[in-house]
């Protein structure tokens, strides 16, 4: 399965950002989206981004990545 590339485009003078996700993470994300018919890939990304904005990054010492 090919990786997913995300691009964030800014309106101003800030540079655009591109992020590439690894195949394992993409597979897990697609499986989660497929298991929940009401969840779209776009909504999964939105929820994940909102979680980081609200809670900050995961603590690497917690065993979660």
N, C-alpha and C. Protein backbone atom coordinates (compact mmCIF):
# COMPACT_ATOMS: atom_id res chain seq x y z
N UNK A 1 0.85 -1.16 0.00
CA UNK A 1 0.00 0.00 0.00
C UNK A 1 0.90 1.24 0.00
N UNK A 2 0.65 2.19 -0.88
CA UNK A 2 1.51 3.37 -0.93
C UNK A 2 1.27 4.26 0.29
N UNK A 3 2.29 5.03 0.68
CA UNK A 3 2.12 5.94 1.79
C UNK A 3 1.18 7.09 1.41
N UNK A 4 0.67 7.75 2.42
CA UNK A 4 -0.16 8.93 2.21
C UNK A 4 0.72 10.16 2.39
N UNK A 5 0.58 11.12 1.51
CA UNK A 5 1.28 12.39 1.66
C UNK A 5 0.24 13.46 1.97
N UNK A 6 0.50 14.22 3.02
CA UNK A 6 -0.38 15.31 3.41
C UNK A 6 0.31 16.62 3.09
N UNK A 7 -0.42 17.55 2.56
CA UNK A 7 0.13 18.87 2.30
C UNK A 7 -0.74 19.91 2.98
N UNK A 8 -0.10 20.82 3.70
CA UNK A 8 -0.78 21.93 4.34
C UNK A 8 -0.39 23.19 3.58
N UNK A 9 -1.37 23.86 3.03
CA UNK A 9 -1.12 25.06 2.25
C UNK A 9 -1.51 26.28 3.06
N UNK A 10 -0.61 27.24 3.13
CA UNK A 10 -0.88 28.45 3.90
C UNK A 10 -1.35 29.56 2.97
N UNK A 11 -2.08 30.49 3.54
CA UNK A 11 -2.62 31.62 2.77
C UNK A 11 -1.60 32.76 2.65
N UNK A 12 -0.69 32.86 3.61
CA UNK A 12 0.23 33.99 3.65
C UNK A 12 1.59 33.64 3.10
N UNK A 13 2.59 34.21 3.73
CA UNK A 13 3.96 34.05 3.29
C UNK A 13 4.64 32.82 3.87
N UNK A 14 3.95 32.11 4.76
CA UNK A 14 4.55 30.94 5.39
C UNK A 14 4.74 29.83 4.35
N UNK A 15 5.82 29.06 4.48
CA UNK A 15 6.04 27.97 3.52
C UNK A 15 5.01 26.85 3.72
N UNK A 16 4.72 26.14 2.65
CA UNK A 16 3.83 24.99 2.73
C UNK A 16 4.59 23.82 3.36
N UNK A 17 3.85 22.94 4.04
CA UNK A 17 4.44 21.76 4.67
C UNK A 17 3.89 20.51 4.04
N UNK A 18 4.75 19.52 3.81
CA UNK A 18 4.34 18.22 3.31
C UNK A 18 4.84 17.16 4.27
N UNK A 19 3.95 16.22 4.62
CA UNK A 19 4.29 15.15 5.55
C UNK A 19 3.97 13.82 4.89
N UNK A 20 4.87 12.87 4.99
CA UNK A 20 4.64 11.53 4.45
C UNK A 20 4.52 10.55 5.60
N UNK A 21 3.45 9.76 5.61
CA UNK A 21 3.22 8.77 6.66
C UNK A 21 3.73 7.41 6.20
N UNK A 22 4.23 6.61 7.14
CA UNK A 22 4.75 5.29 6.77
C UNK A 22 3.61 4.32 6.47
N UNK A 23 3.95 3.25 5.78
CA UNK A 23 2.95 2.29 5.29
C UNK A 23 2.18 1.62 6.42
N UNK A 24 2.84 1.30 7.52
CA UNK A 24 2.16 0.63 8.63
C UNK A 24 1.08 1.54 9.22
N UNK A 25 1.42 2.79 9.45
CA UNK A 25 0.46 3.73 10.01
C UNK A 25 -0.70 3.96 9.04
N UNK A 26 -0.40 4.06 7.76
CA UNK A 26 -1.45 4.24 6.75
C UNK A 26 -2.39 3.04 6.75
N UNK A 27 -1.83 1.84 6.84
CA UNK A 27 -2.66 0.62 6.87
C UNK A 27 -3.57 0.60 8.08
N UNK A 28 -3.05 0.99 9.24
CA UNK A 28 -3.85 1.03 10.46
C UNK A 28 -4.95 2.08 10.36
N UNK A 29 -4.61 3.23 9.78
CA UNK A 29 -5.60 4.29 9.61
C UNK A 29 -6.71 3.83 8.66
N UNK A 30 -6.34 3.25 7.55
CA UNK A 30 -7.36 2.79 6.58
C UNK A 30 -8.25 1.71 7.19
N UNK A 31 -7.66 0.80 7.99
CA UNK A 31 -8.44 -0.25 8.64
C UNK A 31 -9.44 0.36 9.63
N UNK A 32 -9.01 1.37 10.36
CA UNK A 32 -9.90 2.04 11.31
C UNK A 32 -11.04 2.74 10.58
N UNK A 33 -10.71 3.45 9.52
CA UNK A 33 -11.74 4.13 8.73
C UNK A 33 -12.70 3.11 8.12
N UNK A 34 -12.18 2.01 7.59
CA UNK A 34 -13.04 0.98 6.99
C UNK A 34 -13.95 0.33 8.02
N UNK A 35 -13.50 0.23 9.27
CA UNK A 35 -14.28 -0.41 10.32
C UNK A 35 -15.40 0.49 10.86
N UNK A 36 -15.35 1.76 10.51
CA UNK A 36 -16.35 2.71 11.00
C UNK A 36 -16.96 3.44 9.80
N UNK A 37 -18.10 2.95 9.31
CA UNK A 37 -18.69 3.50 8.08
C UNK A 37 -18.97 5.00 8.11
N UNK A 38 -19.20 5.57 9.29
CA UNK A 38 -19.49 7.00 9.37
C UNK A 38 -18.22 7.85 9.43
N UNK A 39 -17.06 7.22 9.49
CA UNK A 39 -15.79 7.95 9.59
C UNK A 39 -15.13 8.02 8.22
N UNK A 40 -14.83 9.23 7.79
CA UNK A 40 -14.10 9.41 6.53
C UNK A 40 -12.63 9.62 6.85
N UNK A 41 -11.80 9.45 5.86
CA UNK A 41 -10.37 9.70 6.03
C UNK A 41 -10.13 11.15 6.43
N UNK A 42 -10.84 12.08 5.81
CA UNK A 42 -10.70 13.49 6.14
C UNK A 42 -11.09 13.75 7.59
N UNK A 43 -12.17 13.15 8.06
CA UNK A 43 -12.61 13.35 9.44
C UNK A 43 -11.62 12.73 10.42
N UNK A 44 -11.03 11.60 10.06
CA UNK A 44 -10.03 10.97 10.93
C UNK A 44 -8.82 11.89 11.09
N UNK A 45 -8.38 12.50 10.01
CA UNK A 45 -7.27 13.45 10.10
C UNK A 45 -7.66 14.66 10.94
N UNK A 46 -8.87 15.18 10.72
CA UNK A 46 -9.32 16.34 11.47
C UNK A 46 -9.36 16.03 12.97
N UNK A 47 -9.89 14.86 13.33
CA UNK A 47 -9.97 14.48 14.74
C UNK A 47 -8.57 14.31 15.35
N UNK A 48 -7.68 13.70 14.60
CA UNK A 48 -6.31 13.51 15.09
C UNK A 48 -5.59 14.82 15.30
N UNK A 49 -5.73 15.73 14.36
CA UNK A 49 -5.11 17.04 14.49
C UNK A 49 -5.72 17.80 15.66
N UNK A 50 -7.05 17.74 15.79
CA UNK A 50 -7.71 18.42 16.90
C UNK A 50 -7.25 17.86 18.24
N UNK A 51 -7.04 16.55 18.32
CA UNK A 51 -6.56 15.93 19.56
C UNK A 51 -5.19 16.49 19.95
N UNK A 52 -4.29 16.62 19.00
CA UNK A 52 -2.96 17.15 19.30
C UNK A 52 -3.06 18.62 19.70
N UNK A 53 -3.90 19.39 19.03
CA UNK A 53 -4.07 20.80 19.37
C UNK A 53 -4.60 20.92 20.81
N UNK A 54 -5.58 20.10 21.16
CA UNK A 54 -6.21 20.18 22.48
C UNK A 54 -5.33 19.62 23.60
N UNK A 55 -4.56 18.57 23.31
CA UNK A 55 -3.86 17.82 24.35
C UNK A 55 -2.34 17.86 24.25
N UNK A 56 -1.81 18.42 23.20
CA UNK A 56 -0.37 18.40 23.00
C UNK A 56 0.07 17.05 22.47
N UNK A 57 1.37 16.88 22.28
CA UNK A 57 1.88 15.63 21.74
C UNK A 57 1.80 14.51 22.77
N UNK A 58 1.80 13.27 22.28
CA UNK A 58 1.83 12.12 23.18
C UNK A 58 3.16 12.09 23.91
N UNK A 59 3.13 11.64 25.13
CA UNK A 59 4.35 11.50 25.93
C UNK A 59 5.05 10.23 25.48
N UNK A 60 6.24 10.34 24.91
CA UNK A 60 6.96 9.18 24.39
C UNK A 60 7.26 8.17 25.48
N UNK A 61 7.36 8.60 26.74
CA UNK A 61 7.60 7.70 27.84
C UNK A 61 6.42 6.83 28.20
N UNK A 62 5.24 7.12 27.65
CA UNK A 62 4.03 6.38 27.98
C UNK A 62 3.93 5.06 27.24
N UNK A 63 4.83 4.82 26.29
CA UNK A 63 4.75 3.60 25.51
C UNK A 63 3.87 3.73 24.27
N UNK A 64 3.18 4.87 24.13
CA UNK A 64 2.34 5.12 22.95
C UNK A 64 3.12 5.95 21.97
N UNK A 65 2.90 5.72 20.69
CA UNK A 65 3.57 6.51 19.65
C UNK A 65 2.54 7.17 18.78
